[in-house]
Amino acid sequence: MKHPPDLAQEVGSKANRKLHAQRNPAPGVWFGLGLMGIVGWSVVVPTLLGAALGLWLDSHYPGGRSWTLALLIGGLMLGCLNAWHWVSKEEQAMREEREHDDE
């Protein structure tokens, strides 16, 4: 049969949670906006670089293919992979912090 935790253990546990919350405040709005900015730029920069390189190739080596369109799509794909990496990295860090808090 399980015995309920005594008062000292319960108070100690709550005090530890409060101290941890004071030392590690929850990320605020600015953190979220900053993360959105990082994710946005990680998509935009490769896309624009691909388009610029494609425009340069089309102007110097004209042909039947559109380098601009191909490299724009390639840059967009690369940017999306980069954004996915950033988001999964942040999600993993938050998960590890949550697991550490539960201990």
Protein backbone atom coordinates (compact mmCIF):
# COMPACT_ATOMS: atom_id res chain seq x y z
CA MET A 1 0.00 0.00 0.00
CA LYS A 2 1.31 3.45 -0.91
CA HIS A 3 1.75 5.99 1.81
CA PRO A 4 1.09 9.65 1.03
CA PRO A 5 4.24 11.77 1.02
CA ASP A 6 4.78 13.52 4.27
CA LEU A 7 4.49 17.28 4.52
CA ALA A 8 8.24 17.93 4.59
CA GLN A 9 8.82 16.07 1.32
CA GLU A 10 5.94 17.84 -0.38
CA VAL A 11 7.10 21.29 0.75
CA GLY A 12 10.68 20.49 -0.27
CA SER A 13 9.57 19.37 -3.72
CA LYS A 14 7.50 22.53 -4.28
CA ALA A 15 10.36 24.72 -3.06
CA ASN A 16 12.77 23.05 -5.48
CA ARG A 17 10.35 23.61 -8.36
CA LYS A 18 9.97 27.29 -7.44
CA LEU A 19 13.73 27.81 -7.20
CA HIS A 20 14.24 26.13 -10.57
CA ALA A 21 11.54 28.30 -12.15
CA GLN A 22 13.17 31.45 -10.75
CA ARG A 23 16.60 30.46 -12.05
CA ASN A 24 15.30 29.34 -15.47
CA PRO A 25 12.45 31.60 -16.54
CA ALA A 26 10.21 30.45 -19.37
CA PRO A 27 11.16 31.82 -22.78
CA GLY A 28 9.12 34.88 -23.62
CA VAL A 29 7.72 36.50 -26.70
CA TRP A 30 11.11 37.84 -27.80
CA PHE A 31 12.55 34.31 -27.79
CA GLY A 32 9.74 33.14 -30.07
CA LEU A 33 10.17 36.10 -32.40
CA GLY A 34 13.92 35.55 -32.49
CA LEU A 35 13.45 31.89 -33.36
CA MET A 36 11.00 32.83 -36.13
CA GLY A 37 13.57 35.28 -37.45
CA ILE A 38 16.31 32.66 -37.49
CA VAL A 39 14.04 30.16 -39.23
CA GLY A 40 12.90 32.79 -41.74
CA TRP A 41 16.41 33.92 -42.62
CA SER A 42 17.60 30.32 -42.86
CA VAL A 43 15.04 29.83 -45.67
CA VAL A 44 15.34 33.25 -47.34
CA VAL A 45 19.14 33.45 -47.67
CA PRO A 46 19.70 30.17 -49.60
CA THR A 47 16.66 30.91 -51.77
CA LEU A 48 17.92 34.37 -52.73
CA LEU A 49 21.47 33.11 -53.27
CA GLY A 50 20.15 30.36 -55.55
CA ALA A 51 18.08 32.89 -57.53
CA ALA A 52 21.03 35.29 -57.83
CA LEU A 53 23.36 32.54 -59.01
CA GLY A 54 20.69 31.36 -61.45
CA LEU A 55 20.26 34.86 -62.87
CA TRP A 56 24.02 35.17 -63.31
CA LEU A 57 24.23 31.78 -65.03
CA ASP A 58 21.28 32.61 -67.31
CA SER A 59 22.87 35.90 -68.36
CA HIS A 60 26.33 34.40 -69.00
CA TYR A 61 25.33 30.98 -70.36
CA PRO A 62 21.95 31.31 -72.11
CA GLY A 63 20.35 28.08 -73.17
CA GLY A 64 17.20 26.06 -73.10
CA ARG A 65 17.21 25.68 -69.32
CA SER A 66 16.24 28.23 -66.74
CA TRP A 67 19.02 28.17 -64.19
CA THR A 68 17.18 30.80 -62.18
CA LEU A 69 14.14 28.61 -61.62
CA ALA A 70 16.19 25.47 -60.93
CA LEU A 71 18.51 27.16 -58.43
CA LEU A 72 15.64 29.07 -56.83
CA ILE A 73 13.89 25.77 -56.11
CA GLY A 74 17.17 24.20 -54.97
CA GLY A 75 17.84 27.10 -52.62
CA LEU A 76 14.32 26.90 -51.26
CA MET A 77 14.72 23.18 -50.59
CA LEU A 78 18.07 23.75 -48.91
CA GLY A 79 16.57 26.56 -46.82
CA CYS A 80 13.66 24.37 -45.72
CA LEU A 81 16.07 21.63 -44.64
CA ASN A 82 18.07 24.23 -42.75
CA ALA A 83 14.92 25.53 -41.01
CA TRP A 84 13.87 21.99 -40.14
CA HIS A 85 17.30 21.48 -38.55
CA TRP A 86 16.95 24.63 -36.42
CA VAL A 87 13.42 23.78 -35.27
CA SER A 88 14.25 20.16 -34.43
CA LYS A 89 17.35 21.29 -32.52
CA GLU A 90 15.30 23.75 -30.43
CA GLU A 91 12.55 21.17 -29.88
CA GLN A 92 15.12 18.62 -28.68
CA ALA A 93 16.62 21.17 -26.27
CA MET A 94 13.18 21.97 -24.85
CA ARG A 95 12.39 18.25 -24.48
CA GLU A 96 15.65 17.61 -22.63
CA GLU A 97 14.99 20.56 -20.33
CA ARG A 98 11.48 19.26 -19.60
CA GLU A 99 12.87 15.79 -18.79
CA HIS A 100 15.51 17.34 -16.55
CA ASP A 101 12.80 19.35 -14.75
CA ASP A 102 10.76 16.20 -14.11
CA GLU A 103 13.65 14.52 -12.27
